[in-house]
Amino acid sequence: MAYTSTDLSNVEDAIRAIVSGKRVVRCSIGDKVFEFAQADLTKLRELKGEILSEIQTPETRPRFFLTRSDKGL
């Protein structure tokens, strides 16, 4: 699933709401809505890590070339 920065923001808001004492929070990711409770805090943090790793992974190739040369002797 392709995550967006909005999805990350929604998950972070849900984590803050649970930590601040709210019992059940709703979080929308893409076109789906999920409900999380205090017991799901670990799952939310894992989801945040998954989203961060996907967003921060560059999809392009590196912009450098490794070359090797010798004197030809």
N, C-alpha and C. Protein backbone atom coordinates (compact mmCIF):
# COMPACT_ATOMS: atom_id res chain seq x y z
N MET A 1 0.84 -1.17 0.00
CA MET A 1 0.00 0.00 0.00
C MET A 1 0.88 1.23 0.00
N ALA A 2 0.54 2.18 -0.79
CA ALA A 2 1.31 3.41 -0.87
C ALA A 2 0.78 4.40 0.16
N TYR A 3 1.60 4.70 1.13
CA TYR A 3 1.21 5.63 2.18
C TYR A 3 1.58 7.05 1.79
N THR A 4 0.88 8.00 2.37
CA THR A 4 1.17 9.41 2.12
C THR A 4 1.51 10.09 3.43
N SER A 5 1.96 11.32 3.34
CA SER A 5 2.26 12.08 4.56
C SER A 5 0.98 12.37 5.35
N THR A 6 -0.16 12.42 4.68
CA THR A 6 -1.44 12.60 5.38
C THR A 6 -1.75 11.39 6.24
N ASP A 7 -1.46 10.19 5.72
CA ASP A 7 -1.65 8.97 6.51
C ASP A 7 -0.77 8.99 7.75
N LEU A 8 0.45 9.43 7.59
CA LEU A 8 1.36 9.53 8.73
C LEU A 8 0.83 10.51 9.76
N SER A 9 0.33 11.63 9.30
CA SER A 9 -0.23 12.64 10.20
C SER A 9 -1.44 12.09 10.96
N ASN A 10 -2.29 11.35 10.26
CA ASN A 10 -3.47 10.76 10.91
C ASN A 10 -3.08 9.76 11.99
N VAL A 11 -2.08 8.95 11.72
CA VAL A 11 -1.61 7.96 12.71
C VAL A 11 -0.99 8.67 13.91
N GLU A 12 -0.19 9.70 13.65
CA GLU A 12 0.41 10.45 14.76
C GLU A 12 -0.66 11.12 15.62
N ASP A 13 -1.71 11.66 14.99
CA ASP A 13 -2.82 12.25 15.75
C ASP A 13 -3.51 11.21 16.61
N ALA A 14 -3.70 10.01 16.07
CA ALA A 14 -4.34 8.93 16.82
C ALA A 14 -3.48 8.52 18.02
N ILE A 15 -2.17 8.45 17.82
CA ILE A 15 -1.27 8.11 18.93
C ILE A 15 -1.36 9.17 20.03
N ARG A 16 -1.33 10.45 19.63
CA ARG A 16 -1.43 11.52 20.63
C ARG A 16 -2.75 11.46 21.38
N ALA A 17 -3.84 11.16 20.67
CA ALA A 17 -5.15 11.10 21.33
C ALA A 17 -5.20 9.98 22.36
N ILE A 18 -4.65 8.82 22.02
CA ILE A 18 -4.66 7.69 22.96
C ILE A 18 -3.77 7.99 24.16
N VAL A 19 -2.59 8.56 23.90
CA VAL A 19 -1.67 8.87 25.00
C VAL A 19 -2.28 9.92 25.93
N SER A 20 -3.07 10.84 25.37
CA SER A 20 -3.67 11.88 26.21
C SER A 20 -4.90 11.40 26.97
N GLY A 21 -5.32 10.15 26.76
CA GLY A 21 -6.38 9.59 27.58
C GLY A 21 -7.66 9.22 26.86
N LYS A 22 -7.74 9.48 25.59
CA LYS A 22 -8.95 9.11 24.86
C LYS A 22 -8.98 7.59 24.71
N ARG A 23 -10.13 6.99 24.94
CA ARG A 23 -10.22 5.53 24.95
C ARG A 23 -10.21 4.91 23.55
N VAL A 24 -10.96 5.48 22.64
CA VAL A 24 -11.05 4.95 21.28
C VAL A 24 -10.85 6.09 20.30
N VAL A 25 -10.01 5.87 19.30
CA VAL A 25 -9.78 6.87 18.27
C VAL A 25 -10.03 6.26 16.90
N ARG A 26 -10.41 7.10 15.97
CA ARG A 26 -10.59 6.68 14.58
C ARG A 26 -9.49 7.30 13.75
N CYS A 27 -8.99 6.51 12.83
CA CYS A 27 -7.88 6.95 11.99
C CYS A 27 -8.20 6.54 10.55
N SER A 28 -8.11 7.47 9.63
CA SER A 28 -8.36 7.13 8.23
C SER A 28 -7.03 7.03 7.49
N ILE A 29 -6.89 5.93 6.78
CA ILE A 29 -5.71 5.69 5.96
C ILE A 29 -6.21 5.35 4.57
N GLY A 30 -5.93 6.24 3.65
CA GLY A 30 -6.47 6.06 2.31
C GLY A 30 -7.97 6.23 2.35
N ASP A 31 -8.68 5.24 1.85
CA ASP A 31 -10.14 5.31 1.85
C ASP A 31 -10.76 4.44 2.95
N LYS A 32 -9.94 3.93 3.86
CA LYS A 32 -10.43 3.08 4.95
C LYS A 32 -10.35 3.81 6.28
N VAL A 33 -11.27 3.48 7.19
CA VAL A 33 -11.29 4.06 8.52
C VAL A 33 -11.09 2.93 9.54
N PHE A 34 -10.16 3.14 10.46
CA PHE A 34 -9.84 2.14 11.47
C PHE A 34 -10.10 2.73 12.85
N GLU A 35 -10.47 1.87 13.79
CA GLU A 35 -10.63 2.28 15.19
C GLU A 35 -9.56 1.61 16.02
N PHE A 36 -8.93 2.40 16.87
CA PHE A 36 -7.89 1.88 17.75
C PHE A 36 -8.25 2.22 19.18
N ALA A 37 -7.88 1.35 20.11
CA ALA A 37 -8.10 1.57 21.53
C ALA A 37 -6.74 1.61 22.23
N GLN A 38 -6.76 1.82 23.54
CA GLN A 38 -5.53 1.91 24.32
C GLN A 38 -4.65 0.68 24.12
N ALA A 39 -5.26 -0.49 24.01
CA ALA A 39 -4.49 -1.72 23.85
C ALA A 39 -3.80 -1.79 22.49
N ASP A 40 -4.23 -1.00 21.53
CA ASP A 40 -3.66 -1.02 20.19
C ASP A 40 -2.54 -0.01 19.99
N LEU A 41 -2.08 0.61 21.04
CA LEU A 41 -1.04 1.63 20.93
C LEU A 41 0.23 1.07 20.28
N THR A 42 0.60 -0.14 20.62
CA THR A 42 1.78 -0.77 20.02
C THR A 42 1.59 -0.95 18.51
N LYS A 43 0.39 -1.37 18.11
CA LYS A 43 0.11 -1.54 16.69
C LYS A 43 0.18 -0.21 15.95
N LEU A 44 -0.31 0.84 16.57
CA LEU A 44 -0.25 2.16 15.96
C LEU A 44 1.19 2.61 15.77
N ARG A 45 2.02 2.37 16.77
CA ARG A 45 3.43 2.77 16.66
C ARG A 45 4.14 1.95 15.59
N GLU A 46 3.80 0.67 15.46
CA GLU A 46 4.37 -0.14 14.39
C GLU A 46 3.93 0.36 13.02
N LEU A 47 2.66 0.74 12.91
CA LEU A 47 2.15 1.28 11.66
C LEU A 47 2.85 2.59 11.31
N LYS A 48 3.11 3.41 12.31
CA LYS A 48 3.83 4.66 12.08
C LYS A 48 5.23 4.38 11.54
N GLY A 49 5.91 3.39 12.12
CA GLY A 49 7.24 3.02 11.63
C GLY A 49 7.20 2.50 10.20
N GLU A 50 6.18 1.72 9.89
CA GLU A 50 6.02 1.20 8.53
C GLU A 50 5.79 2.34 7.53
N ILE A 51 4.94 3.28 7.90
CA ILE A 51 4.67 4.41 7.02
C ILE A 51 5.93 5.25 6.84
N LEU A 52 6.64 5.51 7.94
CA LEU A 52 7.88 6.30 7.85
C LEU A 52 8.91 5.63 6.95
N SER A 53 9.06 4.32 7.09
CA SER A 53 10.05 3.63 6.26
C SER A 53 9.67 3.65 4.79
N GLU A 54 8.38 3.62 4.50
CA GLU A 54 7.96 3.65 3.09
C GLU A 54 8.08 5.06 2.51
N ILE A 55 7.73 6.06 3.31
CA ILE A 55 7.80 7.43 2.81
C ILE A 55 9.25 7.87 2.61
N GLN A 56 10.14 7.46 3.50
CA GLN A 56 11.52 7.90 3.45
C GLN A 56 12.38 7.10 2.49
N THR A 57 11.87 6.00 1.94
CA THR A 57 12.65 5.20 1.01
C THR A 57 12.63 5.87 -0.35
N PRO A 58 13.80 6.23 -0.86
CA PRO A 58 13.82 6.87 -2.17
C PRO A 58 13.48 5.86 -3.26
N GLU A 59 12.67 6.27 -4.21
CA GLU A 59 12.27 5.38 -5.28
C GLU A 59 13.15 5.55 -6.52
N THR A 60 14.10 6.44 -6.46
CA THR A 60 14.96 6.68 -7.61
C THR A 60 16.32 6.03 -7.40
N ARG A 61 17.00 5.86 -8.47
CA ARG A 61 18.36 5.29 -8.40
C ARG A 61 19.33 6.35 -7.90
N PRO A 62 20.44 5.91 -7.34
CA PRO A 62 21.45 6.88 -6.91
C PRO A 62 21.97 7.67 -8.11
N ARG A 63 22.37 8.89 -7.89
CA ARG A 63 22.83 9.76 -8.97
C ARG A 63 24.34 9.84 -9.03
N PHE A 64 24.99 8.71 -8.92
CA PHE A 64 26.44 8.68 -9.04
C PHE A 64 26.83 7.36 -9.68
N PHE A 65 28.01 7.33 -10.27
CA PHE A 65 28.53 6.12 -10.89
C PHE A 65 29.86 5.79 -10.26
N LEU A 66 30.09 4.55 -10.01
CA LEU A 66 31.37 4.09 -9.51
C LEU A 66 32.20 3.66 -10.71
N THR A 67 33.38 4.21 -10.80
CA THR A 67 34.27 3.86 -11.93
C THR A 67 35.56 3.28 -11.40
N ARG A 68 36.21 2.56 -12.28
CA ARG A 68 37.48 1.96 -11.90
C ARG A 68 38.41 2.07 -13.12
N SER A 69 39.63 2.43 -12.86
CA SER A 69 40.59 2.53 -13.96
C SER A 69 41.94 2.02 -13.49
N ASP A 70 42.73 1.68 -14.43
CA ASP A 70 44.12 1.28 -14.13
C ASP A 70 45.02 1.86 -15.21
N LYS A 71 46.30 1.68 -15.05
CA LYS A 71 47.27 2.27 -15.99
C LYS A 71 47.41 1.45 -17.27
N GLY A 72 46.84 0.29 -17.31
CA GLY A 72 46.91 -0.51 -18.52
C GLY A 72 48.28 -1.15 -18.77
N LEU A 73 49.07 -1.33 -17.75
CA LEU A 73 50.40 -1.94 -17.93
C LEU A 73 50.36 -3.42 -17.82
